[in-house]
């Protein structure tokens, strides 16, 4: 008899995607959310949180490379990096690929996400969990940024769920004000801001909030097939606008020095620079300067 079990994503009420499941690997109700990991026929292993796709083995590189490599290479001299969320370890792995990074602190509120990712999605993080430069904390990211010393990080990467449920508190005025305080003089924050075709309010509202604490507010895009709806936006909040305008040749030199040039499947120096040139339907939701 043919095995015909399908999982439907529940992010939107009236539109979505579904996966045919080869086998379910884990289903856990943690203190924070429902976690499901399954083997799909088309996208390898998939993790869903509260019915929403977070990562698939088939296209995780698109998102992970863009959320990690772009801010680090735009900054150009990042040594201390703070990662909020990203419990699968993929962002940590990409950050640690940069030779110049001396410390990467990852703060994930749900230890079950880390545990299940290590067991069922080991290829996502690779050896990053054991890197001596990594400090992985099961803790509240809001509390961490509130207590972090001034100017203790160069880049903050917020890889959270959407601003609903457990992820909502990562999109507040207080959170961004604390990020600005804990960052060095050229510091910057990136965070996922959803798919503007369906989640334009998310980009617009978080941009206004980030603008209260940072001088340079923008976004850049990445195409991630399983984040349905077209381009995914990554919000950008920087203290120094020159970080967003680094020429291709300089980005390439920095990538070569960092040791990532030629290792990526989505990111390139040209895509890095081009990703900031937004289609008008996306740019219209950003603060007009």
C-alpha atoms as a PDB file:
ATOM      1  CA  UNK A   1       0.000   0.000   0.000  1.00  0.00           C
ATOM      2  CA  UNK A   2       1.358   3.458  -0.916  1.00  0.00           C
ATOM      3  CA  UNK A   3       2.353   5.634   2.025  1.00  0.00           C
ATOM      4  CA  UNK A   4       0.567   8.952   1.535  1.00  0.00           C
ATOM      5  CA  UNK A   5       0.935  11.226   4.546  1.00  0.00           C
ATOM      6  CA  UNK A   6       1.087  14.953   3.911  1.00  0.00           C
ATOM      7  CA  UNK A   7       2.030  17.816   6.241  1.00  0.00           C
ATOM      8  CA  UNK A   8       0.437  21.210   5.630  1.00  0.00           C
ATOM      9  CA  UNK A   9       2.186  24.409   6.661  1.00  0.00           C
ATOM     10  CA  UNK A  10      -0.079  26.676   8.731  1.00  0.00           C
ATOM     11  CA  UNK A  11       1.645  30.068   8.476  1.00  0.00           C
ATOM     12  CA  UNK A  12      -1.198  31.700   6.522  1.00  0.00           C
ATOM     13  CA  UNK A  13      -4.913  31.044   6.827  1.00  0.00           C
ATOM     14  CA  UNK A  14      -5.683  31.083   3.125  1.00  0.00           C
ATOM     15  CA  UNK A  15      -2.470  29.997   1.373  1.00  0.00           C
ATOM     16  CA  UNK A  16       0.281  27.520   1.995  1.00  0.00           C
ATOM     17  CA  UNK A  17       2.383  24.570   0.954  1.00  0.00           C
ATOM     18  CA  UNK A  18       2.468  20.913   1.833  1.00  0.00           C
ATOM     19  CA  UNK A  19       5.074  18.170   1.927  1.00  0.00           C
ATOM     20  CA  UNK A  20       4.646  14.469   1.392  1.00  0.00           C
ATOM     21  CA  UNK A  21       6.279  12.748   4.354  1.00  0.00           C
ATOM     22  CA  UNK A  22       8.512   9.717   3.973  1.00  0.00           C
ATOM     23  CA  UNK A  23       8.747   9.301   7.725  1.00  0.00           C
ATOM     24  CA  UNK A  24       8.294  11.322  10.865  1.00  0.00           C
ATOM     25  CA  UNK A  25      11.506  11.558  12.886  1.00  0.00           C
ATOM     26  CA  UNK A  26      10.486  13.591  15.925  1.00  0.00           C
ATOM     27  CA  UNK A  27       7.452  15.331  17.358  1.00  0.00           C
ATOM     28  CA  UNK A  28       7.977  17.179  20.628  1.00  0.00           C
ATOM     29  CA  UNK A  29       5.961  19.741  22.541  1.00  0.00           C
ATOM     30  CA  UNK A  30       8.614  21.833  24.309  1.00  0.00           C
ATOM     31  CA  UNK A  31       7.983  24.512  26.910  1.00  0.00           C
ATOM     32  CA  UNK A  32       7.737  27.012  24.052  1.00  0.00           C
ATOM     33  CA  UNK A  33       6.454  25.388  20.874  1.00  0.00           C
ATOM     34  CA  UNK A  34       5.504  22.306  18.904  1.00  0.00           C
ATOM     35  CA  UNK A  35       8.581  20.891  17.137  1.00  0.00           C
ATOM     36  CA  UNK A  36       8.302  18.452  14.258  1.00  0.00           C
ATOM     37  CA  UNK A  37      11.116  16.962  12.166  1.00  0.00           C
ATOM     38  CA  UNK A  38      10.356  14.701   9.236  1.00  0.00           C
ATOM     39  CA  UNK A  39      11.958  13.213   6.155  1.00  0.00           C
ATOM     40  CA  UNK A  40      10.378  14.650   3.017  1.00  0.00           C
ATOM     41  CA  UNK A  41      10.468  13.203  -0.479  1.00  0.00           C
ATOM     42  CA  UNK A  42      11.717  16.401  -2.097  1.00  0.00           C
ATOM     43  CA  UNK A  43      13.577  18.568   0.437  1.00  0.00           C
ATOM     44  CA  UNK A  44      15.444  16.141   2.668  1.00  0.00           C
ATOM     45  CA  UNK A  45      14.790  16.578   6.369  1.00  0.00           C
ATOM     46  CA  UNK A  46      12.504  19.414   7.446  1.00  0.00           C
ATOM     47  CA  UNK A  47      12.000  21.143  10.803  1.00  0.00           C
ATOM     48  CA  UNK A  48       8.703  22.838  11.573  1.00  0.00           C
ATOM     49  CA  UNK A  49       7.905  24.940  14.635  1.00  0.00           C
ATOM     50  CA  UNK A  50       4.227  25.390  15.443  1.00  0.00           C
ATOM     51  CA  UNK A  51       3.362  24.180  11.955  1.00  0.00           C
ATOM     52  CA  UNK A  52       5.679  26.617  10.150  1.00  0.00           C
ATOM     53  CA  UNK A  53       8.680  25.480   8.103  1.00  0.00           C
ATOM     54  CA  UNK A  54      11.928  26.699   9.665  1.00  0.00           C
ATOM     55  CA  UNK A  55      14.566  24.845   7.690  1.00  0.00           C
ATOM     56  CA  UNK A  56      14.984  22.147   5.077  1.00  0.00           C
ATOM     57  CA  UNK A  57      18.169  20.353   4.112  1.00  0.00           C
ATOM     58  CA  UNK A  58      17.556  21.179   0.442  1.00  0.00           C
ATOM     59  CA  UNK A  59      17.611  24.975   0.603  1.00  0.00           C
ATOM     60  CA  UNK A  60      18.937  25.981   4.028  1.00  0.00           C
ATOM     61  CA  UNK A  61      22.124  27.308   2.438  1.00  0.00           C
ATOM     62  CA  UNK A  62      20.249  30.128   0.701  1.00  0.00           C
ATOM     63  CA  UNK A  63      19.047  31.640   3.948  1.00  0.00           C
ATOM     64  CA  UNK A  64      21.983  30.776   6.192  1.00  0.00           C
ATOM     65  CA  UNK A  65      24.615  32.171   3.838  1.00  0.00           C
ATOM     66  CA  UNK A  66      22.792  35.444   3.337  1.00  0.00           C
ATOM     67  CA  UNK A  67      21.924  36.103   6.965  1.00  0.00           C
ATOM     68  CA  UNK A  68      25.508  35.367   8.102  1.00  0.00           C
ATOM     69  CA  UNK A  69      27.970  36.270   5.338  1.00  0.00           C
ATOM     70  CA  UNK A  70      26.377  39.580   4.311  1.00  0.00           C
ATOM     71  CA  UNK A  71      26.638  41.377   7.682  1.00  0.00           C
ATOM     72  CA  UNK A  72      30.076  39.977   8.498  1.00  0.00           C
ATOM     73  CA  UNK A  73      31.583  40.949   5.147  1.00  0.00           C
ATOM     74  CA  UNK A  74      29.768  44.292   5.070  1.00  0.00           C
ATOM     75  CA  UNK A  75      31.330  45.108   8.435  1.00  0.00           C
ATOM     76  CA  UNK A  76      34.697  43.813   7.317  1.00  0.00           C
ATOM     77  CA  UNK A  77      36.348  43.395  10.711  1.00  0.00           C
ATOM     78  CA  UNK A  78      33.823  41.600  12.899  1.00  0.00           C
ATOM     79  CA  UNK A  79      35.482  39.657  15.714  1.00  0.00           C
ATOM     80  CA  UNK A  80      32.611  39.232  18.163  1.00  0.00           C
ATOM     81  CA  UNK A  81      29.250  38.064  16.843  1.00  0.00           C
ATOM     82  CA  UNK A  82      25.998  37.548  18.732  1.00  0.00           C
ATOM     83  CA  UNK A  83      23.395  35.165  17.311  1.00  0.00           C
ATOM     84  CA  UNK A  84      19.870  35.203  18.726  1.00  0.00           C
ATOM     85  CA  UNK A  85      17.839  32.083  17.967  1.00  0.00           C
ATOM     86  CA  UNK A  86      19.116  29.872  15.136  1.00  0.00           C
ATOM     87  CA  UNK A  87      18.832  26.728  17.242  1.00  0.00           C
ATOM     88  CA  UNK A  88      19.602  24.447  14.301  1.00  0.00           C
ATOM     89  CA  UNK A  89      23.210  25.719  14.312  1.00  0.00           C
ATOM     90  CA  UNK A  90      23.368  26.695  10.652  1.00  0.00           C
ATOM     91  CA  UNK A  91      24.044  30.385  11.285  1.00  0.00           C
ATOM     92  CA  UNK A  92      26.663  29.507  13.889  1.00  0.00           C
ATOM     93  CA  UNK A  93      28.406  27.306  11.344  1.00  0.00           C
ATOM     94  CA  UNK A  94      28.466  30.059   8.688  1.00  0.00           C
ATOM     95  CA  UNK A  95      29.704  32.675  11.147  1.00  0.00           C
ATOM     96  CA  UNK A  96      32.536  30.416  12.292  1.00  0.00           C
ATOM     97  CA  UNK A  97      33.671  29.919   8.698  1.00  0.00           C
ATOM     98  CA  UNK A  98      35.070  33.453   8.933  1.00  0.00           C
ATOM     99  CA  UNK A  99      38.688  33.228  10.062  1.00  0.00           C
ATOM    100  CA  UNK A 100      38.589  36.653  11.702  1.00  0.00           C
ATOM    101  CA  UNK A 101      35.752  35.778  14.080  1.00  0.00           C
ATOM    102  CA  UNK A 102      37.144  35.267  17.568  1.00  0.00           C
ATOM    103  CA  UNK A 103      33.896  34.676  19.469  1.00  0.00           C
ATOM    104  CA  UNK A 104      30.396  33.656  18.425  1.00  0.00           C
ATOM    105  CA  UNK A 105      27.769  33.672  21.161  1.00  0.00           C
ATOM    106  CA  UNK A 106      24.520  31.910  20.273  1.00  0.00           C
ATOM    107  CA  UNK A 107      21.494  32.404  22.527  1.00  0.00           C
ATOM    108  CA  UNK A 108      18.564  30.060  21.836  1.00  0.00           C
ATOM    109  CA  UNK A 109      15.603  30.033  24.203  1.00  0.00           C
ATOM    110  CA  UNK A 110      14.453  26.484  23.404  1.00  0.00           C
ATOM    111  CA  UNK A 111      16.987  23.801  24.248  1.00  0.00           C
ATOM    112  CA  UNK A 112      14.816  21.172  22.585  1.00  0.00           C
ATOM    113  CA  UNK A 113      15.426  22.764  19.193  1.00  0.00           C
ATOM    114  CA  UNK A 114      19.180  22.415  19.706  1.00  0.00           C
ATOM    115  CA  UNK A 115      18.876  18.844  20.979  1.00  0.00           C
ATOM    116  CA  UNK A 116      16.688  17.686  18.098  1.00  0.00           C
ATOM    117  CA  UNK A 117      18.786  19.491  15.488  1.00  0.00           C
ATOM    118  CA  UNK A 118      21.924  17.765  16.774  1.00  0.00           C
ATOM    119  CA  UNK A 119      20.198  14.388  16.598  1.00  0.00           C
ATOM    120  CA  UNK A 120      18.219  14.620  13.372  1.00  0.00           C
ATOM    121  CA  UNK A 121      19.819  17.480  11.379  1.00  0.00           C
ATOM    122  CA  UNK A 122      23.530  17.049  12.164  1.00  0.00           C
ATOM    123  CA  UNK A 123      24.672  18.284   8.751  1.00  0.00           C
ATOM    124  CA  UNK A 124      23.196  21.746   9.275  1.00  0.00           C
ATOM    125  CA  UNK A 125      25.668  22.800  11.963  1.00  0.00           C
ATOM    126  CA  UNK A 126      28.447  20.345  11.167  1.00  0.00           C
ATOM    127  CA  UNK A 127      31.271  20.750  13.693  1.00  0.00           C
ATOM    128  CA  UNK A 128      30.193  24.235  14.817  1.00  0.00           C
ATOM    129  CA  UNK A 129      28.897  22.995  18.177  1.00  0.00           C
ATOM    130  CA  UNK A 130      32.424  21.927  19.124  1.00  0.00           C
ATOM    131  CA  UNK A 131      34.293  24.984  17.860  1.00  0.00           C
ATOM    132  CA  UNK A 132      36.220  26.585  20.766  1.00  0.00           C
ATOM    133  CA  UNK A 133      35.153  30.036  19.564  1.00  0.00           C
ATOM    134  CA  UNK A 134      31.471  29.140  20.017  1.00  0.00           C
ATOM    135  CA  UNK A 135      29.512  29.790  23.192  1.00  0.00           C
ATOM    136  CA  UNK A 136      26.051  28.234  22.993  1.00  0.00           C
ATOM    137  CA  UNK A 137      23.557  29.325  25.654  1.00  0.00           C
ATOM    138  CA  UNK A 138      20.065  28.036  26.267  1.00  0.00           C
ATOM    139  CA  UNK A 139      18.677  31.324  27.510  1.00  0.00           C
ATOM    140  CA  UNK A 140      16.367  34.237  26.802  1.00  0.00           C
ATOM    141  CA  UNK A 141      17.837  36.463  24.081  1.00  0.00           C
ATOM    142  CA  UNK A 142      15.946  39.486  25.411  1.00  0.00           C
ATOM    143  CA  UNK A 143      17.516  39.064  28.811  1.00  0.00           C
ATOM    144  CA  UNK A 144      20.948  38.487  27.284  1.00  0.00           C
ATOM    145  CA  UNK A 145      20.967  41.708  25.258  1.00  0.00           C
ATOM    146  CA  UNK A 146      19.622  43.607  28.252  1.00  0.00           C
ATOM    147  CA  UNK A 147      22.614  42.550  30.357  1.00  0.00           C
ATOM    148  CA  UNK A 148      25.376  42.450  27.727  1.00  0.00           C
ATOM    149  CA  UNK A 149      28.172  44.998  28.247  1.00  0.00           C
ATOM    150  CA  UNK A 150      28.351  48.104  26.078  1.00  0.00           C
ATOM    151  CA  UNK A 151      30.257  47.720  22.781  1.00  0.00           C
ATOM    152  CA  UNK A 152      30.828  43.992  23.347  1.00  0.00           C
ATOM    153  CA  UNK A 153      29.797  42.811  19.846  1.00  0.00           C
ATOM    154  CA  UNK A 154      30.401  43.899  16.270  1.00  0.00           C
ATOM    155  CA  UNK A 155      27.427  42.162  14.618  1.00  0.00           C
ATOM    156  CA  UNK A 156      24.098  40.851  15.901  1.00  0.00           C
ATOM    157  CA  UNK A 157      22.209  38.260  13.828  1.00  0.00           C
ATOM    158  CA  UNK A 158      18.601  37.653  14.841  1.00  0.00           C
ATOM    159  CA  UNK A 159      17.374  34.393  13.329  1.00  0.00           C
ATOM    160  CA  UNK A 160      13.987  34.066  14.972  1.00  0.00           C
ATOM    161  CA  UNK A 161      10.521  32.882  14.165  1.00  0.00           C
ATOM    162  CA  UNK A 162       8.047  35.521  12.965  1.00  0.00           C
ATOM    163  CA  UNK A 163       6.919  38.174  15.491  1.00  0.00           C
ATOM    164  CA  UNK A 164       4.196  35.947  16.882  1.00  0.00           C
ATOM    165  CA  UNK A 165       4.347  33.716  19.922  1.00  0.00           C
ATOM    166  CA  UNK A 166       7.847  33.072  21.253  1.00  0.00           C
ATOM    167  CA  UNK A 167       9.482  35.366  18.642  1.00  0.00           C
ATOM    168  CA  UNK A 168       7.373  38.458  19.293  1.00  0.00           C
ATOM    169  CA  UNK A 169       9.589  39.997  21.984  1.00  0.00           C
ATOM    170  CA  UNK A 170      12.565  40.089  19.606  1.00  0.00           C
ATOM    171  CA  UNK A 171      10.962  42.902  17.617  1.00  0.00           C
ATOM    172  CA  UNK A 172      10.485  45.579  20.297  1.00  0.00           C
ATOM    173  CA  UNK A 173      11.930  49.074  20.740  1.00  0.00           C
ATOM    174  CA  UNK A 174      13.744  47.947  23.875  1.00  0.00           C
ATOM    175  CA  UNK A 175      15.399  45.034  22.107  1.00  0.00           C
ATOM    176  CA  UNK A 176      16.814  47.203  19.311  1.00  0.00           C
ATOM    177  CA  UNK A 177      17.919  49.910  21.753  1.00  0.00           C
ATOM    178  CA  UNK A 178      19.877  47.289  23.680  1.00  0.00           C
ATOM    179  CA  UNK A 179      21.371  45.974  20.442  1.00  0.00           C
ATOM    180  CA  UNK A 180      22.585  49.463  19.589  1.00  0.00           C
ATOM    181  CA  UNK A 181      24.159  49.787  23.034  1.00  0.00           C
ATOM    182  CA  UNK A 182      25.973  46.449  22.984  1.00  0.00           C
ATOM    183  CA  UNK A 183      27.357  47.042  19.485  1.00  0.00           C
ATOM    184  CA  UNK A 184      30.644  48.725  18.626  1.00  0.00           C
ATOM    185  CA  UNK A 185      30.797  52.003  16.685  1.00  0.00           C
ATOM    186  CA  UNK A 186      30.303  50.401  13.249  1.00  0.00           C
ATOM    187  CA  UNK A 187      28.061  47.666  14.551  1.00  0.00           C
ATOM    188  CA  UNK A 188      24.991  46.383  12.776  1.00  0.00           C
ATOM    189  CA  UNK A 189      22.004  44.091  13.239  1.00  0.00           C
ATOM    190  CA  UNK A 190      20.289  41.857  10.705  1.00  0.00           C
ATOM    191  CA  UNK A 191      17.040  40.023  11.313  1.00  0.00           C
ATOM    192  CA  UNK A 192      14.584  38.070   9.221  1.00  0.00           C
ATOM    193  CA  UNK A 193      11.581  40.230   8.299  1.00  0.00           C
ATOM    194  CA  UNK A 194       9.404  37.764   6.448  1.00  0.00           C
ATOM    195  CA  UNK A 195       8.194  37.545   2.861  1.00  0.00           C
ATOM    196  CA  UNK A 196       6.925  41.013   1.880  1.00  0.00           C
ATOM    197  CA  UNK A 197       4.372  39.687  -0.584  1.00  0.00           C
ATOM    198  CA  UNK A 198       2.516  38.281   2.421  1.00  0.00           C
ATOM    199  CA  UNK A 199       4.149  39.943   5.453  1.00  0.00           C
ATOM    200  CA  UNK A 200       4.759  43.555   4.424  1.00  0.00           C
ATOM    201  CA  UNK A 201       3.573  44.814   7.811  1.00  0.00           C
ATOM    202  CA  UNK A 202       6.413  42.914   9.456  1.00  0.00           C
ATOM    203  CA  UNK A 203       9.037  44.694   7.346  1.00  0.00           C
ATOM    204  CA  UNK A 204       7.405  48.099   7.719  1.00  0.00           C
ATOM    205  CA  UNK A 205       6.828  47.973  11.471  1.00  0.00           C
ATOM    206  CA  UNK A 206      10.211  46.507  12.416  1.00  0.00           C
ATOM    207  CA  UNK A 207      11.964  49.057  10.194  1.00  0.00           C
ATOM    208  CA  UNK A 208      10.288  51.891  12.087  1.00  0.00           C
ATOM    209  CA  UNK A 209      11.307  50.332  15.395  1.00  0.00           C
ATOM    210  CA  UNK A 210      14.897  49.733  14.304  1.00  0.00           C
ATOM    211  CA  UNK A 211      15.049  53.318  13.070  1.00  0.00           C
ATOM    212  CA  UNK A 212      14.607  54.599  16.610  1.00  0.00           C
ATOM    213  CA  UNK A 213      17.971  53.127  17.600  1.00  0.00           C
ATOM    214  CA  UNK A 214      20.026  53.029  14.368  1.00  0.00           C
ATOM    215  CA  UNK A 215      21.010  55.606  11.757  1.00  0.00           C
ATOM    216  CA  UNK A 216      20.949  53.366   8.682  1.00  0.00           C
ATOM    217  CA  UNK A 217      17.787  51.318   8.073  1.00  0.00           C
ATOM    218  CA  UNK A 218      17.270  49.142   5.027  1.00  0.00           C
ATOM    219  CA  UNK A 219      16.723  45.536   3.984  1.00  0.00           C
ATOM    220  CA  UNK A 220      18.180  43.026   1.566  1.00  0.00           C
ATOM    221  CA  UNK A 221      16.683  39.988  -0.091  1.00  0.00           C
ATOM    222  CA  UNK A 222      17.242  36.263  -0.464  1.00  0.00           C
ATOM    223  CA  UNK A 223      15.229  33.753  -2.454  1.00  0.00           C
ATOM    224  CA  UNK A 224      14.511  30.717  -0.267  1.00  0.00           C
ATOM    225  CA  UNK A 225      12.075  28.346  -2.013  1.00  0.00           C
ATOM    226  CA  UNK A 226      10.487  26.918   1.129  1.00  0.00           C
ATOM    227  CA  UNK A 227       9.756  30.387   2.534  1.00  0.00           C
ATOM    228  CA  UNK A 228       6.877  30.672   0.101  1.00  0.00           C
ATOM    229  CA  UNK A 229       5.855  33.976  -1.422  1.00  0.00           C
ATOM    230  CA  UNK A 230       8.903  35.195  -3.334  1.00  0.00           C
ATOM    231  CA  UNK A 231      11.781  37.137  -1.842  1.00  0.00           C
ATOM    232  CA  UNK A 232      12.460  36.868   1.882  1.00  0.00           C
ATOM    233  CA  UNK A 233      13.669  40.141   3.404  1.00  0.00           C
ATOM    234  CA  UNK A 234      16.457  40.449   5.918  1.00  0.00           C
ATOM    235  CA  UNK A 235      16.197  43.656   7.896  1.00  0.00           C
ATOM    236  CA  UNK A 236      19.305  45.819   8.194  1.00  0.00           C
ATOM    237  CA  UNK A 237      20.060  48.281  10.979  1.00  0.00           C
ATOM    238  CA  UNK A 238      23.508  49.842  11.023  1.00  0.00           C
ATOM    239  CA  UNK A 239      25.351  52.635  12.779  1.00  0.00           C
ATOM    240  CA  UNK A 240      27.529  53.390   9.741  1.00  0.00           C
ATOM    241  CA  UNK A 241      25.864  53.683   6.321  1.00  0.00           C
ATOM    242  CA  UNK A 242      29.125  52.948   4.522  1.00  0.00           C
ATOM    243  CA  UNK A 243      28.817  49.285   5.539  1.00  0.00           C
ATOM    244  CA  UNK A 244      25.873  48.967   3.172  1.00  0.00           C
ATOM    245  CA  UNK A 245      27.736  50.463   0.215  1.00  0.00           C
ATOM    246  CA  UNK A 246      30.926  48.397  -0.003  1.00  0.00           C
ATOM    247  CA  UNK A 247      31.913  47.731  -3.634  1.00  0.00           C
ATOM    248  CA  UNK A 248      32.012  44.243  -5.118  1.00  0.00           C
ATOM    249  CA  UNK A 249      35.804  44.151  -5.396  1.00  0.00           C
ATOM    250  CA  UNK A 250      36.214  44.930  -1.699  1.00  0.00           C
ATOM    251  CA  UNK A 251      33.633  42.342  -0.681  1.00  0.00           C
ATOM    252  CA  UNK A 252      35.496  39.767  -2.768  1.00  0.00           C
ATOM    253  CA  UNK A 253      38.813  40.593  -1.070  1.00  0.00           C
ATOM    254  CA  UNK A 254      37.217  40.373   2.354  1.00  0.00           C
ATOM    255  CA  UNK A 255      35.599  37.031   1.486  1.00  0.00           C
ATOM    256  CA  UNK A 256      38.913  35.656   0.275  1.00  0.00           C
ATOM    257  CA  UNK A 257      40.655  36.783   3.454  1.00  0.00           C
ATOM    258  CA  UNK A 258      37.846  35.312   5.563  1.00  0.00           C
ATOM    259  CA  UNK A 259      38.183  31.967   3.801  1.00  0.00           C
ATOM    260  CA  UNK A 260      34.675  31.731   2.376  1.00  0.00           C
ATOM    261  CA  UNK A 261      35.198  32.716  -1.260  1.00  0.00           C
ATOM    262  CA  UNK A 262      34.284  29.767  -3.460  1.00  0.00           C
ATOM    263  CA  UNK A 263      32.711  27.775  -0.610  1.00  0.00           C
ATOM    264  CA  UNK A 264      29.138  29.059  -0.977  1.00  0.00           C
ATOM    265  CA  UNK A 265      26.136  27.855  -2.971  1.00  0.00           C
ATOM    266  CA  UNK A 266      24.052  31.061  -2.950  1.00  0.00           C
ATOM    267  CA  UNK A 267      26.157  33.989  -1.732  1.00  0.00           C
ATOM    268  CA  UNK A 268      28.628  35.662  -4.108  1.00  0.00           C
ATOM    269  CA  UNK A 269      30.171  39.147  -3.944  1.00  0.00           C
ATOM    270  CA  UNK A 270      27.868  40.244  -6.772  1.00  0.00           C
ATOM    271  CA  UNK A 271      24.751  38.834  -5.100  1.00  0.00           C
ATOM    272  CA  UNK A 272      25.837  40.470  -1.837  1.00  0.00           C
ATOM    273  CA  UNK A 273      25.857  43.926  -3.420  1.00  0.00           C
ATOM    274  CA  UNK A 274      22.808  43.317  -5.615  1.00  0.00           C
ATOM    275  CA  UNK A 275      20.672  42.075  -2.720  1.00  0.00           C
ATOM    276  CA  UNK A 276      20.413  45.629  -1.365  1.00  0.00           C
ATOM    277  CA  UNK A 277      18.833  46.878  -4.617  1.00  0.00           C
ATOM    278  CA  UNK A 278      15.203  46.210  -3.805  1.00  0.00           C
ATOM    279  CA  UNK A 279      12.205  45.859  -6.102  1.00  0.00           C
ATOM    280  CA  UNK A 280       9.864  48.831  -5.618  1.00  0.00           C
ATOM    281  CA  UNK A 281       7.130  46.640  -4.112  1.00  0.00           C
ATOM    282  CA  UNK A 282       9.523  45.885  -1.254  1.00  0.00           C
ATOM    283  CA  UNK A 283      11.323  49.237  -0.942  1.00  0.00           C
ATOM    284  CA  UNK A 284       8.005  51.059  -0.520  1.00  0.00           C
ATOM    285  CA  UNK A 285       7.610  49.499   2.921  1.00  0.00           C
ATOM    286  CA  UNK A 286      10.884  50.954   4.217  1.00  0.00           C
ATOM    287  CA  UNK A 287      11.271  54.413   5.767  1.00  0.00           C
ATOM    288  CA  UNK A 288      11.722  56.881   2.927  1.00  0.00           C
ATOM    289  CA  UNK A 289      14.884  58.951   3.158  1.00  0.00           C
END
